[in-house]
Amino acid sequence: MFTVLVCDDDAAILESLRIYLSQEGYRVLCARDGLEALEQVQGEEIHCMVLDIMMPRLDGLKTTLKLREKYNFPIILLSAKSEDTDKIEALDAGADDYLTKPFSVEELLARLRVTFRRLNDSREEQV
């Protein structure tokens, strides 16, 4: 079972994603901001993170930069910002993917399936 850490300061989005991802068979951890997310990853095996960019205390870009100091799990960023420069900045910060809000849960689930298929493929290659 893959563990997904979802981090968003919008309680409705957080709960909605928790429900959808759980129904798809993922183990879901939740955080309301970047600082809480950094606490969550310690002592947990995270396989992928879905992370909002605009949050209080520690935003998604700074959180991504901090995570990349120690961790290499895939990060999918969510943002209301849709300019190419915003997407490029996020990908350059270490994100693996970027979805613009509002987004389709089905698209997020498809992106997660692709991410986990790649993880499985790389694990099989190592054996």
Protein backbone atom coordinates (compact mmCIF):
# COMPACT_ATOMS: atom_id res chain seq x y z
CA MET A 1 0.00 0.00 0.00
CA PHE A 2 1.34 3.41 -0.98
CA THR A 3 1.31 6.28 1.51
CA VAL A 4 0.37 9.73 0.22
CA LEU A 5 0.86 12.85 2.32
CA VAL A 6 -1.66 15.53 1.36
CA CYS A 7 -0.92 19.07 2.50
CA ASP A 8 -3.42 21.91 1.97
CA ASP A 9 -4.66 24.69 4.23
CA ASP A 10 -8.18 24.39 2.78
CA ALA A 11 -9.95 21.92 5.10
CA ALA A 12 -12.56 21.00 2.46
CA ILE A 13 -9.90 20.11 -0.13
CA LEU A 14 -7.88 18.20 2.46
CA GLU A 15 -10.87 16.12 3.57
CA SER A 16 -12.07 15.55 0.03
CA LEU A 17 -8.65 14.29 -1.09
CA ARG A 18 -8.37 12.12 2.01
CA ILE A 19 -11.66 10.43 1.15
CA TYR A 20 -10.95 9.97 -2.58
CA LEU A 21 -7.41 8.69 -2.08
CA SER A 22 -8.47 6.34 0.71
CA GLN A 23 -11.18 4.90 -1.55
CA GLU A 24 -8.48 4.22 -4.16
CA GLY A 25 -6.59 2.15 -1.60
CA TYR A 26 -3.91 4.65 -0.57
CA ARG A 27 -2.87 5.26 3.01
CA VAL A 28 -3.41 9.01 3.45
CA LEU A 29 -1.72 11.34 5.90
CA CYS A 30 -2.83 14.96 6.13
CA ALA A 31 -1.13 18.24 7.00
CA ARG A 32 -2.50 21.79 7.02
CA ASP A 33 0.72 23.64 6.21
CA GLY A 34 4.34 23.09 5.28
CA LEU A 35 5.62 22.94 8.84
CA GLU A 36 3.10 20.24 9.73
CA ALA A 37 4.07 18.36 6.55
CA LEU A 38 7.76 18.44 7.49
CA GLU A 39 6.85 16.96 10.88
CA GLN A 40 4.72 14.25 9.23
CA VAL A 41 7.50 12.95 6.95
CA GLN A 42 9.79 12.20 9.86
CA GLY A 43 9.34 8.61 10.91
CA GLU A 44 6.96 7.82 8.03
CA GLU A 45 7.58 6.14 4.71
CA ILE A 46 6.02 8.59 2.26
CA HIS A 47 5.67 7.41 -1.33
CA CYS A 48 4.23 10.64 -2.77
CA MET A 49 3.15 14.06 -1.57
CA VAL A 50 0.35 16.27 -2.87
CA LEU A 51 1.23 19.79 -1.74
CA ASP A 52 -0.56 23.12 -2.08
CA ILE A 53 1.69 26.09 -2.86
CA MET A 54 -0.10 28.97 -1.15
CA MET A 55 -0.32 28.21 2.57
CA PRO A 56 0.37 30.03 5.84
CA ARG A 57 3.54 29.58 7.92
CA LEU A 58 5.54 27.67 5.29
CA ASP A 59 4.37 27.68 1.68
CA GLY A 60 4.60 24.78 -0.74
CA LEU A 61 7.67 26.00 -2.61
CA LYS A 62 9.71 26.46 0.57
CA THR A 63 8.43 23.13 1.85
CA THR A 64 9.52 21.45 -1.40
CA LEU A 65 13.00 22.97 -1.11
CA LYS A 66 13.29 21.76 2.51
CA LEU A 67 12.06 18.27 1.61
CA ARG A 68 14.54 17.95 -1.24
CA GLU A 69 17.39 18.40 1.24
CA LYS A 70 16.63 14.89 2.61
CA TYR A 71 13.91 13.17 0.58
CA ASN A 72 13.40 12.08 -3.00
CA PHE A 73 9.76 10.94 -3.04
CA PRO A 74 7.58 12.44 -5.81
CA ILE A 75 5.86 15.76 -5.07
CA ILE A 76 2.78 16.95 -6.95
CA LEU A 77 2.13 20.65 -6.38
CA LEU A 78 -1.34 22.20 -6.43
CA SER A 79 -1.80 25.89 -7.12
CA ALA A 80 -4.28 28.51 -8.25
CA LYS A 81 -1.35 30.08 -10.11
CA SER A 82 -1.47 29.06 -13.75
CA GLU A 83 1.27 31.13 -15.40
CA ASP A 84 4.10 29.24 -17.06
CA THR A 85 6.61 31.07 -14.86
CA ASP A 86 4.85 29.77 -11.73
CA LYS A 87 4.94 26.20 -13.02
CA ILE A 88 8.58 26.48 -14.01
CA GLU A 89 9.52 27.90 -10.59
CA ALA A 90 7.73 24.99 -8.89
CA LEU A 91 9.38 22.35 -11.06
CA ASP A 92 12.79 23.99 -10.59
CA ALA A 93 12.23 23.92 -6.81
CA GLY A 94 11.99 20.12 -6.98
CA ALA A 95 8.36 19.32 -7.75
CA ASP A 96 7.70 16.38 -10.04
CA ASP A 97 4.31 17.53 -11.27
CA TYR A 98 1.99 20.55 -11.09
CA LEU A 99 -1.81 20.77 -11.14
CA THR A 100 -3.69 24.04 -11.41
CA LYS A 101 -6.68 24.65 -9.11
CA PRO A 102 -9.47 24.01 -9.62
CA PHE A 103 -8.43 20.52 -10.64
CA SER A 104 -10.20 17.28 -11.41
CA VAL A 105 -9.77 14.59 -8.76
CA GLU A 106 -9.79 12.06 -11.59
CA GLU A 107 -6.78 13.81 -13.15
CA LEU A 108 -4.94 13.81 -9.82
CA LEU A 109 -5.69 10.09 -9.40
CA ALA A 110 -4.38 9.42 -12.92
CA ARG A 111 -1.18 11.33 -12.14
CA LEU A 112 -0.77 9.33 -8.94
CA ARG A 113 -1.22 6.07 -10.86
CA VAL A 114 1.51 7.15 -13.30
CA THR A 115 3.78 8.13 -10.42
CA PHE A 116 3.31 4.80 -8.67
CA ARG A 117 3.69 2.84 -11.90
CA ARG A 118 7.09 4.52 -12.35
CA LEU A 119 8.02 3.71 -8.75
CA ASN A 120 7.08 0.06 -9.28
CA ASP A 121 9.03 -0.07 -12.56
CA SER A 122 12.16 1.36 -10.93
CA ARG A 123 11.87 -1.10 -8.03
CA GLU A 124 11.58 -4.01 -10.46
CA GLU A 125 14.65 -2.82 -12.37
CA GLN A 126 16.65 -2.85 -9.13
CA VAL A 127 15.81 -6.51 -8.43
